[in-house]
Protein backbone atom coordinates (compact mmCIF):
# COMPACT_ATOMS: atom_id res chain seq x y z
CA UNK A 1 27.96 -85.12 -72.19
CA UNK A 2 30.59 -86.24 -74.05
CA UNK A 3 34.38 -86.64 -72.86
CA UNK A 4 37.65 -86.70 -75.02
CA UNK A 5 38.92 -90.11 -74.36
CA UNK A 6 42.46 -90.92 -73.69
CA UNK A 7 45.07 -92.94 -71.99
CA UNK A 8 43.41 -93.25 -68.80
CA UNK A 9 40.96 -96.19 -67.12
CA UNK A 10 38.11 -98.08 -69.25
CA UNK A 11 35.35 -95.47 -69.38
CA UNK A 12 37.21 -92.59 -68.54
CA UNK A 13 38.75 -89.57 -69.77
CA UNK A 14 42.62 -88.54 -70.20
CA UNK A 15 43.68 -88.56 -66.21
CA UNK A 16 40.07 -88.83 -65.02
CA UNK A 17 39.42 -91.93 -62.63
CA UNK A 18 36.76 -94.18 -64.37
CA UNK A 19 33.23 -93.33 -63.01
CA UNK A 20 31.41 -94.87 -60.50
CA UNK A 21 28.38 -96.95 -60.98
CA UNK A 22 24.77 -95.36 -61.42
CA UNK A 23 22.82 -95.43 -58.45
CA UNK A 24 19.38 -96.75 -58.97
CA UNK A 25 16.24 -96.51 -56.72
CA UNK A 26 12.29 -96.31 -56.70
CA UNK A 27 12.96 -96.23 -60.84
CA UNK A 28 15.05 -93.40 -60.58
CA UNK A 29 18.81 -93.65 -61.81
CA UNK A 30 21.61 -91.18 -60.70
CA UNK A 31 24.77 -91.46 -62.87
CA UNK A 32 27.79 -89.57 -62.63
CA UNK A 33 26.70 -86.26 -63.97
CA UNK A 34 24.56 -85.74 -60.70
CA UNK A 35 26.21 -87.32 -57.75
CA UNK A 36 23.52 -88.26 -54.92
CA UNK A 37 23.47 -85.98 -51.29
CA UNK A 38 22.01 -88.60 -48.78
CA UNK A 39 21.06 -86.05 -45.89
CA UNK A 40 21.63 -86.94 -41.57
CA UNK A 41 18.20 -86.79 -39.71
CA UNK A 42 18.39 -88.57 -36.93
CA UNK A 43 15.52 -88.59 -33.97
CA UNK A 44 17.89 -89.45 -31.26
CA UNK A 45 18.74 -87.42 -28.37
CA UNK A 46 22.79 -88.20 -28.39
CA UNK A 47 23.98 -88.62 -32.53
CA UNK A 48 27.40 -87.16 -32.00
CA UNK A 49 26.61 -83.68 -34.33
CA UNK A 50 24.67 -81.70 -32.08
CA UNK A 51 22.62 -80.35 -35.41
CA UNK A 52 21.55 -83.64 -36.77
CA UNK A 53 19.40 -84.33 -33.21
CA UNK A 54 15.81 -83.42 -33.41
CA UNK A 55 13.56 -84.30 -30.43
CA UNK A 56 10.55 -85.12 -32.49
CA UNK A 57 9.02 -85.67 -35.78
CA UNK A 58 7.49 -82.35 -36.26
CA UNK A 59 11.65 -80.83 -35.95
CA UNK A 60 12.81 -82.90 -37.90
CA UNK A 61 10.22 -83.14 -40.61
CA UNK A 62 11.63 -79.15 -40.33
CA UNK A 63 15.11 -80.51 -41.01
CA UNK A 64 14.30 -82.84 -43.94
CA UNK A 65 12.41 -79.82 -45.38
CA UNK A 66 15.67 -77.51 -45.49
CA UNK A 67 17.64 -80.48 -46.43
CA UNK A 68 15.36 -81.18 -49.37
CA UNK A 69 15.81 -77.48 -50.23
CA UNK A 70 19.40 -77.47 -50.20
CA UNK A 71 19.89 -80.06 -52.47
CA UNK A 72 19.39 -83.98 -50.97
CA UNK A 73 18.39 -86.69 -52.98
CA UNK A 74 17.60 -88.97 -50.04
CA UNK A 75 17.31 -88.32 -46.50
CA UNK A 76 18.29 -90.70 -44.01
CA UNK A 77 16.81 -91.50 -41.10
CA UNK A 78 17.96 -92.73 -37.85
CA UNK A 79 16.45 -93.79 -34.45
CA UNK A 80 19.89 -94.88 -32.18
CA UNK A 81 23.25 -93.69 -32.00
CA UNK A 82 25.80 -95.56 -33.84
CA UNK A 83 28.17 -95.41 -31.15
CA UNK A 84 28.22 -96.41 -27.52
CA UNK A 85 24.95 -94.66 -25.08
CA UNK A 86 21.97 -95.69 -23.20
CA UNK A 87 20.37 -99.06 -24.66
CA UNK A 88 17.53 -98.24 -27.25
CA UNK A 89 15.15 -101.24 -27.78
CA UNK A 90 13.68 -102.10 -31.29
CA UNK A 91 10.16 -100.96 -30.12
CA UNK A 92 11.61 -97.69 -29.29
CA UNK A 93 13.73 -97.00 -32.39
CA UNK A 94 10.38 -98.18 -34.45
CA UNK A 95 8.59 -95.27 -32.57
CA UNK A 96 11.14 -92.79 -32.94
CA UNK A 97 11.47 -93.43 -37.28
CA UNK A 98 8.18 -94.54 -38.91
CA UNK A 99 5.91 -91.63 -37.99
CA UNK A 100 8.82 -89.71 -39.95
CA UNK A 101 8.97 -92.01 -42.66
CA UNK A 102 5.24 -91.74 -43.23
CA UNK A 103 5.74 -88.02 -42.35
CA UNK A 104 8.16 -88.05 -45.33
CA UNK A 105 6.92 -89.90 -47.37
CA UNK A 106 3.55 -87.65 -47.44
CA UNK A 107 5.29 -84.26 -47.72
CA UNK A 108 8.08 -84.81 -50.00
CA UNK A 109 7.40 -87.60 -52.79
CA UNK A 110 10.39 -86.64 -54.45
CA UNK A 111 12.59 -87.40 -51.84
CA UNK A 112 14.12 -90.93 -51.47
CA UNK A 113 13.95 -92.52 -47.88
CA UNK A 114 16.95 -94.34 -46.42
CA UNK A 115 16.64 -95.70 -42.99
CA UNK A 116 19.63 -95.92 -40.67
CA UNK A 117 19.09 -99.67 -38.99
CA UNK A 118 21.07 -102.75 -38.29
CA UNK A 119 17.73 -104.66 -37.17
CA UNK A 120 15.93 -106.23 -39.44
CA UNK A 121 12.33 -106.03 -38.20
CA UNK A 122 12.95 -102.11 -38.07
CA UNK A 123 14.05 -102.45 -41.40
CA UNK A 124 11.06 -104.48 -42.49
CA UNK A 125 8.62 -101.92 -40.97
CA UNK A 126 10.53 -98.98 -42.39
CA UNK A 127 10.19 -100.44 -45.57
CA UNK A 128 6.32 -101.04 -45.03
CA UNK A 129 6.20 -97.09 -43.80
CA UNK A 130 7.72 -95.86 -47.23
CA UNK A 131 11.89 -96.16 -47.04
CA UNK A 132 13.57 -97.27 -50.31
CA UNK A 133 16.73 -97.95 -49.01
CA UNK A 134 18.31 -99.42 -45.81
CA UNK A 135 21.71 -98.36 -44.55
CA UNK A 136 22.67 -101.05 -42.78
CA UNK A 137 25.77 -99.41 -41.00
CA UNK A 138 26.96 -102.93 -38.81
CA UNK A 139 28.01 -104.95 -41.90
CA UNK A 140 24.88 -107.86 -41.69
CA UNK A 141 24.97 -107.82 -37.68
CA UNK A 142 21.34 -108.90 -38.57
CA UNK A 143 21.88 -111.70 -41.50
CA UNK A 144 18.09 -111.18 -41.65
CA UNK A 145 18.71 -107.85 -42.84
CA UNK A 146 19.17 -108.15 -46.51
CA UNK A 147 16.70 -110.24 -47.24
CA UNK A 148 13.51 -107.81 -45.66
CA UNK A 149 15.46 -105.66 -48.24
CA UNK A 150 15.12 -108.46 -50.84
CA UNK A 151 11.07 -109.37 -49.83
CA UNK A 152 10.48 -105.45 -49.72
CA UNK A 153 11.85 -104.67 -52.51
CA UNK A 154 13.88 -101.77 -51.67
CA UNK A 155 17.81 -100.97 -51.67
CA UNK A 156 20.47 -102.23 -49.32
CA UNK A 157 23.74 -100.92 -48.27
CA UNK A 158 26.59 -103.34 -47.61
CA UNK A 159 29.33 -102.05 -45.04
CA UNK A 160 32.44 -103.08 -43.53
CA UNK A 161 33.27 -102.81 -39.87
CA UNK A 162 36.03 -105.45 -39.76
CA UNK A 163 33.53 -107.86 -37.41
CA UNK A 164 32.99 -105.04 -34.46
CA UNK A 165 29.32 -105.23 -33.04
CA UNK A 166 26.86 -102.64 -32.83
CA UNK A 167 27.57 -99.33 -30.96
CA UNK A 168 31.40 -100.84 -29.91
CA UNK A 169 34.23 -98.63 -31.08
CA UNK A 170 37.45 -99.93 -32.20
CA UNK A 171 40.99 -100.99 -30.24
CA UNK A 172 44.06 -101.42 -31.61
CA UNK A 173 42.52 -103.03 -34.88
CA UNK A 174 44.91 -104.14 -37.25
CA UNK A 175 44.76 -105.73 -41.06
CA UNK A 176 47.19 -107.72 -42.11
CA UNK A 177 47.67 -107.61 -46.10
CA UNK A 178 45.73 -110.84 -47.75
CA UNK A 179 46.74 -109.36 -51.48
CA UNK A 180 46.31 -112.15 -54.05
CA UNK A 181 45.01 -114.44 -51.50
CA UNK A 182 41.81 -112.47 -51.76
CA UNK A 183 39.42 -114.53 -54.01
CA UNK A 184 37.67 -113.00 -56.62
CA UNK A 185 39.67 -109.75 -57.24
CA UNK A 186 41.64 -110.13 -59.82
CA UNK A 187 39.72 -107.33 -61.41
CA UNK A 188 41.03 -104.77 -59.50
CA UNK A 189 44.67 -105.25 -59.72
CA UNK A 190 45.21 -101.81 -61.44
CA UNK A 191 43.63 -100.04 -58.30
CA UNK A 192 45.00 -102.43 -55.54
CA UNK A 193 48.86 -103.44 -55.95
CA UNK A 194 50.06 -106.90 -55.22
CA UNK A 195 53.08 -107.26 -52.35
CA UNK A 196 53.48 -105.06 -49.59
CA UNK A 197 53.36 -102.20 -51.68
CA UNK A 198 51.84 -100.41 -48.60
CA UNK A 199 51.14 -102.13 -45.39
CA UNK A 200 47.81 -100.30 -45.16
CA UNK A 201 46.03 -102.21 -48.18
CA UNK A 202 45.68 -104.70 -45.98
CA UNK A 203 42.78 -102.55 -44.67
CA UNK A 204 41.45 -102.25 -48.45
CA UNK A 205 41.97 -106.02 -48.96
CA UNK A 206 39.60 -106.88 -46.05
CA UNK A 207 36.99 -104.25 -47.08
CA UNK A 208 36.65 -105.51 -50.71
CA UNK A 209 36.42 -108.92 -49.84
CA UNK A 210 33.70 -108.19 -47.27
CA UNK A 211 32.00 -106.06 -49.40
CA UNK A 212 31.97 -108.23 -52.61
CA UNK A 213 30.84 -110.91 -50.75
CA UNK A 214 27.87 -108.96 -49.35
CA UNK A 215 26.84 -107.46 -52.26
CA UNK A 216 26.81 -110.49 -54.36
CA UNK A 217 24.58 -112.23 -51.46
CA UNK A 218 22.33 -108.99 -52.03
CA UNK A 219 21.71 -109.52 -55.88
CA UNK A 220 21.70 -113.18 -55.53
CA UNK A 221 18.31 -112.67 -53.17
CA UNK A 222 17.31 -110.95 -55.72
CA UNK A 223 18.19 -107.12 -55.72
CA UNK A 224 18.78 -104.67 -58.65
CA UNK A 225 22.92 -104.43 -58.71
CA UNK A 226 22.10 -100.56 -58.82
CA UNK A 227 20.03 -100.85 -55.18
CA UNK A 228 23.01 -102.50 -53.63
CA UNK A 229 25.29 -99.55 -52.38
CA UNK A 230 28.76 -100.48 -50.67
CA UNK A 231 30.07 -98.10 -48.15
CA UNK A 232 33.63 -98.51 -46.54
CA UNK A 233 32.52 -97.26 -43.44
CA UNK A 234 35.29 -95.02 -42.26
CA UNK A 235 35.99 -94.97 -38.40
CA UNK A 236 33.64 -98.45 -37.58
CA UNK A 237 35.87 -101.01 -36.75
CA UNK A 238 39.20 -98.57 -38.17
CA UNK A 239 41.95 -95.37 -37.12
CA UNK A 240 42.54 -93.24 -38.39
CA UNK A 241 45.05 -94.10 -40.60
CA UNK A 242 42.80 -97.23 -42.24
CA UNK A 243 40.05 -94.35 -42.89
CA UNK A 244 42.56 -91.84 -44.54
CA UNK A 245 43.92 -94.82 -46.24
CA UNK A 246 39.98 -95.84 -47.57
CA UNK A 247 39.71 -92.83 -49.21
CA UNK A 248 43.31 -92.70 -51.19
CA UNK A 249 41.91 -96.31 -52.95
CA UNK A 250 38.07 -95.22 -53.52
CA UNK A 251 39.23 -96.29 -57.00
CA UNK A 252 39.67 -99.67 -55.39
CA UNK A 253 35.88 -99.72 -54.14
CA UNK A 254 34.30 -98.27 -57.47
CA UNK A 255 36.09 -101.11 -59.21
CA UNK A 256 33.96 -103.35 -57.62
CA UNK A 257 30.89 -102.53 -60.41
CA UNK A 258 28.62 -101.47 -57.11
CA UNK A 259 27.62 -97.99 -56.14
CA UNK A 260 30.11 -96.46 -53.53
CA UNK A 261 28.20 -94.86 -50.84
CA UNK A 262 31.06 -92.54 -48.35
CA UNK A 263 29.93 -91.02 -44.57
CA UNK A 264 32.67 -88.82 -44.18
CA UNK A 265 30.77 -86.19 -42.88
CA UNK A 266 32.28 -84.45 -39.46
CA UNK A 267 34.05 -88.05 -38.58
CA UNK A 268 36.70 -88.86 -35.83
CA UNK A 269 39.34 -89.37 -38.61
CA UNK A 270 39.21 -86.12 -39.51
CA UNK A 271 39.09 -84.68 -36.36
CA UNK A 272 42.18 -86.65 -35.56
CA UNK A 273 44.06 -85.93 -38.65
CA UNK A 274 43.21 -81.76 -37.87
CA UNK A 275 42.96 -82.29 -34.12
CA UNK A 276 39.70 -80.48 -34.75
CA UNK A 277 35.98 -80.90 -32.68
CA UNK A 278 33.09 -82.14 -34.62
CA UNK A 279 31.79 -78.42 -34.96
CA UNK A 280 35.47 -78.05 -36.76
CA UNK A 281 35.60 -80.33 -39.28
CA UNK A 282 33.76 -79.16 -42.19
CA UNK A 283 36.59 -77.66 -44.21
CA UNK A 284 38.33 -81.47 -43.68
CA UNK A 285 35.00 -83.11 -44.37
CA UNK A 286 34.91 -81.57 -47.80
CA UNK A 287 38.46 -82.12 -48.38
CA UNK A 288 37.64 -85.79 -48.25
CA UNK A 289 34.32 -85.70 -50.39
CA UNK A 290 35.76 -83.50 -53.07
CA UNK A 291 38.73 -86.54 -53.32
CA UNK A 292 36.11 -89.14 -53.15
CA UNK A 293 34.37 -87.77 -55.69
CA UNK A 294 36.97 -87.60 -58.32
CA UNK A 295 38.14 -91.39 -57.66
CA UNK A 296 34.47 -92.17 -58.44
CA UNK A 297 32.26 -92.25 -55.03
CA UNK A 298 28.47 -91.97 -56.12
CA UNK A 299 26.75 -90.85 -52.61
CA UNK A 300 27.90 -88.78 -50.06
CA UNK A 301 26.35 -89.04 -46.52
CA UNK A 302 26.41 -85.88 -44.99
CA UNK A 303 25.39 -83.34 -42.20
CA UNK A 304 25.88 -79.93 -44.54
CA UNK A 305 23.61 -80.27 -47.46
CA UNK A 306 24.17 -77.45 -48.93
CA UNK A 307 28.20 -77.55 -48.95
CA UNK A 308 28.47 -80.78 -49.75
CA UNK A 309 26.10 -80.48 -53.03
CA UNK A 310 27.97 -77.30 -54.33
CA UNK A 311 31.24 -79.57 -53.49
CA UNK A 312 30.19 -82.76 -55.55
CA UNK A 313 28.56 -80.96 -58.49
CA UNK A 314 31.38 -78.84 -59.02
CA UNK A 315 34.03 -82.39 -59.03
CA UNK A 316 31.39 -83.75 -60.91
CA UNK A 317 31.93 -80.93 -63.94
CA UNK A 318 35.74 -80.81 -63.45
CA UNK A 319 35.53 -84.58 -64.48
CA UNK A 320 33.43 -83.41 -67.32
CA UNK A 321 30.34 -85.61 -66.29
CA UNK A 322 28.09 -82.25 -65.55
CA UNK A 323 27.96 -79.23 -67.87
CA UNK A 324 27.80 -75.87 -65.87
CA UNK A 325 24.50 -74.53 -65.18
CA UNK A 326 25.48 -71.55 -66.57
CA UNK A 327 28.25 -70.95 -69.25
CA UNK A 328 28.29 -67.34 -70.94
CA UNK A 329 31.93 -66.60 -70.59
CA UNK A 330 33.83 -66.33 -74.25
CA UNK A 331 33.08 -68.82 -77.03
CA UNK A 332 30.94 -72.07 -76.88
CA UNK A 333 32.46 -75.57 -76.19
CA UNK A 334 34.49 -76.81 -79.32
CA UNK A 335 32.70 -80.35 -80.71
CA UNK A 336 34.49 -83.53 -79.51
CA UNK A 337 35.81 -83.76 -83.07
CA UNK A 338 38.54 -80.57 -82.57
CA UNK A 339 40.02 -81.78 -79.54
CA UNK A 340 43.22 -82.30 -79.99
CA UNK A 341 44.19 -86.20 -79.98
């Protein structure tokens, strides 16, 4: 559907932020009219949110079926907790995730499959089992992972951890302003002010520089730009102030030109902001999700699929990019030619 144009950013309607880049995976394209919901399904005993833990492939498969019914487009399968915990060898991670990937591919051919791993050998076997996307939440810790994604013809998520090592927590992390010293970011200046306008923009400088470089490398290896997702990776290598500020600066991330993924679901920055335990963070998560969607995020990694689906679809409709499913009140919308100028 078309929108009346105004004096907002290029490609936007009056007062509406610029549209985020579409996602292209397995030959399917998802644009702004269909925000992408990525369901979280973990084969781990210790994931931070208990309902996302599943003890067997069969139990996880039931969760995948429910997520599909609730409107998930992608299911993100994880075999190791992102945070601190008992060591899980690559062989153990593979034993957890590969049978589930094969099961999902066989029973849900319409679902896209992501595997949440930072290990290149796990990524390779997952791709060969049927995964469409490698969700590298630890920012290229294994430099061969993106090469595997390119060789196997699958997408990749480029993330930012500020140099934190896998399964570690941030401690007194700081990001000084880099501003104009960041190479290649001149086109983002409408979204990222120069000078010390806000000292918290230091984290945005670092995130933009890191993601731009990682995404450029992925594209140089032959991955379709639409299959290169960029994730600011809230909480990873960041404190709560940083994570909140990255939601505010979503438009700068979208201006990189790659589809933006945000994993906001029930994270610590939501819990600290509202002083809530993990099982009480849904409303705060959905508030952040709505803001991120309004500002150009394309993909939303979520524990609560049905609630997230409704929020992102509603935001897309408010932006003017998704038509209402039913519109029976009053007269049809006037043609674009009749909009006041």
